[in-house]
Protein backbone atom coordinates (compact mmCIF):
# COMPACT_ATOMS: atom_id res chain seq x y z
CA MET A 1 86.69 53.90 101.24
CA ILE A 2 87.45 57.47 102.29
CA THR A 3 89.38 57.59 105.59
CA LYS A 4 90.21 61.30 105.89
CA MET A 5 88.69 64.54 104.60
CA THR A 6 90.12 68.06 104.68
CA GLY A 7 88.03 71.04 103.72
CA LEU A 8 86.28 74.21 104.82
CA LEU A 9 83.77 73.82 107.64
CA THR A 10 80.69 75.63 106.34
CA ARG A 11 77.98 74.59 108.82
CA VAL A 12 77.60 72.87 112.19
CA LEU A 13 74.13 71.39 112.69
CA ASP A 14 72.59 69.27 115.45
CA ASP A 15 74.22 65.96 114.53
CA GLU A 16 76.20 66.73 111.39
CA VAL A 17 78.58 69.17 109.77
CA ARG A 18 78.97 70.31 106.18
CA LEU A 19 82.49 70.20 104.79
CA GLU A 20 83.34 71.98 101.54
CA VAL A 21 86.00 70.10 99.60
CA GLY A 22 86.71 71.72 96.24
CA PRO A 23 83.42 72.25 94.37
CA PHE A 24 81.57 69.74 96.59
CA GLU A 25 79.93 70.06 100.01
CA TYR A 26 79.75 66.85 102.03
CA GLN A 27 77.48 65.87 104.90
CA VAL A 28 79.43 64.26 107.74
CA MET A 29 77.65 62.88 110.79
CA ILE A 30 79.32 63.66 114.14
CA PRO A 31 78.71 62.75 117.80
CA GLU A 32 77.77 65.42 120.33
CA ALA A 33 81.24 65.45 121.92
CA VAL A 34 82.76 66.39 118.55
CA ARG A 35 80.03 68.92 117.76
CA ARG A 36 80.93 70.91 120.87
CA GLN A 37 84.52 71.15 119.65
CA LEU A 38 83.52 72.29 116.17
CA GLN A 39 80.77 74.83 116.81
CA LEU A 40 83.32 77.64 117.11
CA ARG A 41 85.30 76.67 114.01
CA THR A 42 82.92 77.56 111.18
CA ALA A 43 84.72 78.98 108.13
CA GLN A 44 87.99 77.31 109.17
CA GLU A 45 89.83 74.52 107.37
CA LEU A 46 89.30 71.22 109.11
CA THR A 47 90.49 67.62 108.83
CA LEU A 48 88.14 64.81 109.87
CA HIS A 49 88.94 61.13 110.21
CA VAL A 50 85.95 59.35 108.72
CA THR A 51 84.28 56.00 108.31
CA GLU A 52 81.34 55.08 106.10
CA TYR A 53 78.28 52.86 106.33
CA LEU A 54 74.99 52.28 104.51
CA GLU A 55 71.83 53.34 106.31
CA GLY A 56 68.55 51.67 105.45
CA ASN A 57 65.97 49.06 106.32
CA PRO A 58 67.35 45.54 105.78
CA SER A 59 64.05 44.54 104.18
CA GLY A 60 64.01 47.59 101.90
CA THR A 61 65.72 48.38 98.65
CA ARG A 62 67.01 51.90 99.35
CA PHE A 63 70.23 52.46 101.24
CA VAL A 64 71.77 55.87 101.95
CA PRO A 65 75.58 56.18 102.28
CA ARG A 66 76.60 57.98 105.47
CA ARG A 67 79.94 59.36 106.60
CA ILE A 68 80.83 59.71 110.28
CA GLY A 69 83.67 62.02 111.26
CA PHE A 70 85.98 62.53 114.24
CA LEU A 71 88.77 64.94 115.04
CA THR A 72 91.29 62.22 115.95
CA GLU A 73 92.08 58.69 114.85
CA ILE A 74 91.72 57.48 118.43
CA GLU A 75 88.10 58.69 118.54
CA LEU A 76 87.36 56.89 115.28
CA GLU A 77 89.01 53.72 116.55
CA PHE A 78 86.95 53.84 119.76
CA PHE A 79 83.75 54.35 117.75
CA GLU A 80 84.50 51.27 115.66
CA LEU A 81 85.22 49.29 118.83
CA PHE A 82 81.97 50.53 120.39
CA CYS A 83 80.06 49.22 117.37
CA THR A 84 81.27 45.68 118.11
CA VAL A 85 78.96 45.52 121.13
CA GLU A 86 75.85 43.44 120.42
CA LYS A 87 72.85 45.52 119.29
CA ILE A 88 74.91 48.73 119.00
CA GLY A 89 75.13 49.86 115.41
CA PRO A 90 76.64 53.04 113.97
CA LYS A 91 73.58 55.23 114.67
CA LYS A 92 73.32 54.13 118.31
CA ALA A 93 77.06 54.43 118.90
CA LEU A 94 77.08 57.90 117.33
CA LYS A 95 74.25 59.04 119.61
CA ALA A 96 75.84 57.52 122.72
CA MET A 97 79.20 59.27 122.26
CA ALA A 98 78.05 62.49 123.90
CA ARG A 99 81.03 62.48 126.29
CA PRO A 100 84.75 62.44 125.49
CA VAL A 101 86.22 59.04 124.63
CA LYS A 102 88.47 59.08 127.71
CA GLU A 103 85.48 59.41 130.04
CA ILE A 104 83.53 56.60 128.40
CA ALA A 105 86.58 54.33 128.37
CA ASP A 106 87.24 55.12 132.03
CA ALA A 107 83.66 54.18 132.98
CA ILE A 108 84.00 50.89 131.09
CA ASN A 109 87.35 50.20 132.75
CA ARG A 110 85.94 50.70 136.25
CA GLN A 111 82.79 48.78 135.24
CA ASP A 112 80.48 51.66 136.11
CA SER A 113 77.25 50.59 134.42
CA ARG A 114 75.29 53.33 136.20
CA TRP A 115 77.43 56.05 134.59
CA LEU A 116 77.25 54.39 131.17
CA SER A 117 73.46 54.24 131.38
CA THR A 118 73.38 58.05 131.46
CA LEU A 119 74.67 58.15 127.87
CA PRO A 120 71.92 58.88 125.32
CA GLY A 121 70.22 55.70 124.12
CA ILE A 122 72.06 53.43 126.59
CA GLY A 123 69.94 51.60 129.15
CA ALA A 124 71.02 49.48 132.10
CA THR A 125 71.08 46.21 130.15
CA THR A 126 73.07 47.69 127.28
CA ALA A 127 75.50 49.30 129.75
CA GLU A 128 76.22 45.88 131.26
CA GLN A 129 76.72 44.44 127.78
CA ILE A 130 79.18 47.21 126.92
CA ILE A 131 81.22 46.41 130.02
CA THR A 132 81.20 42.67 129.35
CA THR A 133 82.33 43.14 125.75
CA LEU A 134 84.86 45.96 126.11
CA LYS A 135 86.28 45.93 129.65
CA ARG A 136 89.56 44.32 128.51
CA LYS A 137 89.86 46.40 125.34
CA VAL A 138 89.80 50.04 126.47
CA THR A 139 93.22 50.44 128.11
CA LYS A 140 94.70 52.37 125.16
CA PHE A 141 91.79 54.84 125.27
CA LEU A 142 92.17 55.81 128.93
CA MET A 143 94.77 58.46 128.12
CA GLY A 144 92.42 60.11 125.63
CA ALA A 145 93.49 62.64 123.04
CA SER A 146 92.02 66.11 122.87
CA PRO A 147 92.11 67.84 119.51
CA ALA A 148 95.13 70.09 119.30
CA GLU A 149 94.51 73.78 119.59
CA PRO A 150 95.60 75.88 116.59
CA THR A 151 99.30 76.62 116.78
CA VAL A 152 100.37 80.24 116.71
CA VAL A 153 103.46 80.62 114.54
CA GLU A 154 105.73 83.32 115.78
CA ALA A 155 107.59 85.50 113.32
CA PRO A 156 111.37 84.98 113.35
CA ALA A 157 113.24 87.40 115.54
CA GLU A 158 114.86 90.28 113.71
CA PRO A 159 118.63 90.37 113.88
CA LYS A 160 120.04 92.74 116.43
CA SER A 161 121.50 95.91 115.00
CA LYS A 162 123.86 98.34 116.48
CA GLY A 163 122.65 101.75 117.46
CA LYS A 164 119.14 102.79 118.40
CA GLN A 165 116.75 99.87 118.91
CA LYS A 166 113.40 99.75 117.20
CA PRO A 167 110.32 100.04 119.42
CA ALA A 168 108.75 96.73 120.38
CA THR A 169 105.95 95.61 118.10
CA THR A 170 102.42 95.43 119.49
CA PRO A 171 101.41 91.82 120.25
CA ALA A 172 98.58 90.35 118.22
CA PRO A 173 95.16 90.67 119.84
CA VAL A 174 93.87 87.70 121.77
CA SER A 175 90.78 86.01 120.33
CA ASN A 176 87.56 86.19 122.35
CA LEU A 177 86.71 82.62 121.44
CA PRO A 178 87.21 80.17 124.33
CA ALA A 179 89.49 77.19 123.98
CA GLY A 180 87.89 73.86 123.12
CA ASP A 181 88.74 72.32 126.49
CA ILE A 182 86.94 75.14 128.34
CA VAL A 183 83.83 74.54 126.24
CA GLU A 184 83.90 70.88 127.23
CA ASP A 185 84.45 71.76 130.91
CA VAL A 186 81.48 74.15 130.85
CA TYR A 187 79.27 71.44 129.37
CA GLN A 188 80.35 68.98 132.05
CA ALA A 189 79.77 71.61 134.77
CA LEU A 190 76.22 72.22 133.53
CA MET A 191 75.60 68.48 133.64
CA GLY A 192 77.10 68.38 137.12
CA VAL A 193 74.61 70.90 138.52
CA GLY A 194 71.66 68.83 137.36
CA HIS A 195 70.91 69.79 133.76
CA THR A 196 70.03 67.07 131.26
CA PRO A 197 72.29 66.70 128.21
CA VAL A 198 69.69 68.52 126.08
CA GLU A 199 69.39 71.40 128.59
CA ALA A 200 73.17 71.67 128.98
CA ARG A 201 73.64 71.75 125.22
CA ALA A 202 70.99 74.47 124.79
CA LYS A 203 72.55 76.65 127.50
CA LEU A 204 76.03 76.13 126.06
CA ASP A 205 74.89 77.05 122.55
CA SER A 206 73.20 80.18 123.91
CA LEU A 207 76.37 81.12 125.77
CA LEU A 208 78.61 80.69 122.74
CA THR A 209 76.38 82.86 120.55
CA CYS A 210 75.87 85.68 123.06
CA GLY A 211 79.10 87.40 122.01
CA LYS A 212 80.47 87.80 125.55
CA PRO A 213 83.95 86.36 126.18
CA PHE A 214 84.84 84.09 129.09
CA ARG A 215 88.14 82.58 130.17
CA SER A 216 87.08 80.08 132.82
CA VAL A 217 84.24 77.77 133.79
CA GLU A 218 83.28 80.14 136.62
CA GLU A 219 82.96 83.11 134.25
CA ALA A 220 80.95 81.00 131.84
CA LEU A 221 78.49 79.84 134.50
CA MET A 222 78.02 83.41 135.70
CA LEU A 223 77.10 84.42 132.15
CA VAL A 224 74.76 81.46 131.74
CA TYR A 225 72.75 82.19 134.86
CA SER A 226 72.83 85.95 134.52
CA ARG A 227 71.08 85.47 131.17
CA GLY A 228 68.40 83.33 132.79
């Protein structure tokens, strides 16, 4: 079974990405929380931690192999734990993980079934079942683990020379793309002011494709509502 894939991110779709590895392009299913982290990283090299399952009707004869990918091993481990809850299979778990792992684990830890029932596809009864099954198993996930931001490698300092100093070099330009954690904060802020997950996602996608930079949640919200 494949456990990790590294390749070029060619497309980010609604619930999947396409990863080019050598001469092949692979479909990898992703949860919404991961999609928000990846939508700005098209054409970049990416490593995904993956698991596989067969999708199909138990009474049928055709099964389709599916890969599900995450940015960190801890996210993958939580997904596999989530699937141990009765009546939650890979598809339902994938849909439900629209929030960061730390937030979901925190809600389970404090036994907040009302919060859990706001996750896509999770009703009140299922939320209670999640708590019953996982409440003693989520401690390690409470710290969470956000995907690391790309590291900027600084050039080694030139040795000092006697005599006239060289003029300072111009610093590299700062990218207009927002950091992944700001994107997540904007999404949560949109949810906090009353938008549904679908509405918040649509507004966030529109914001990220408008071409206007923002460096804070406040700036982002001003852009969102100034665009109507």
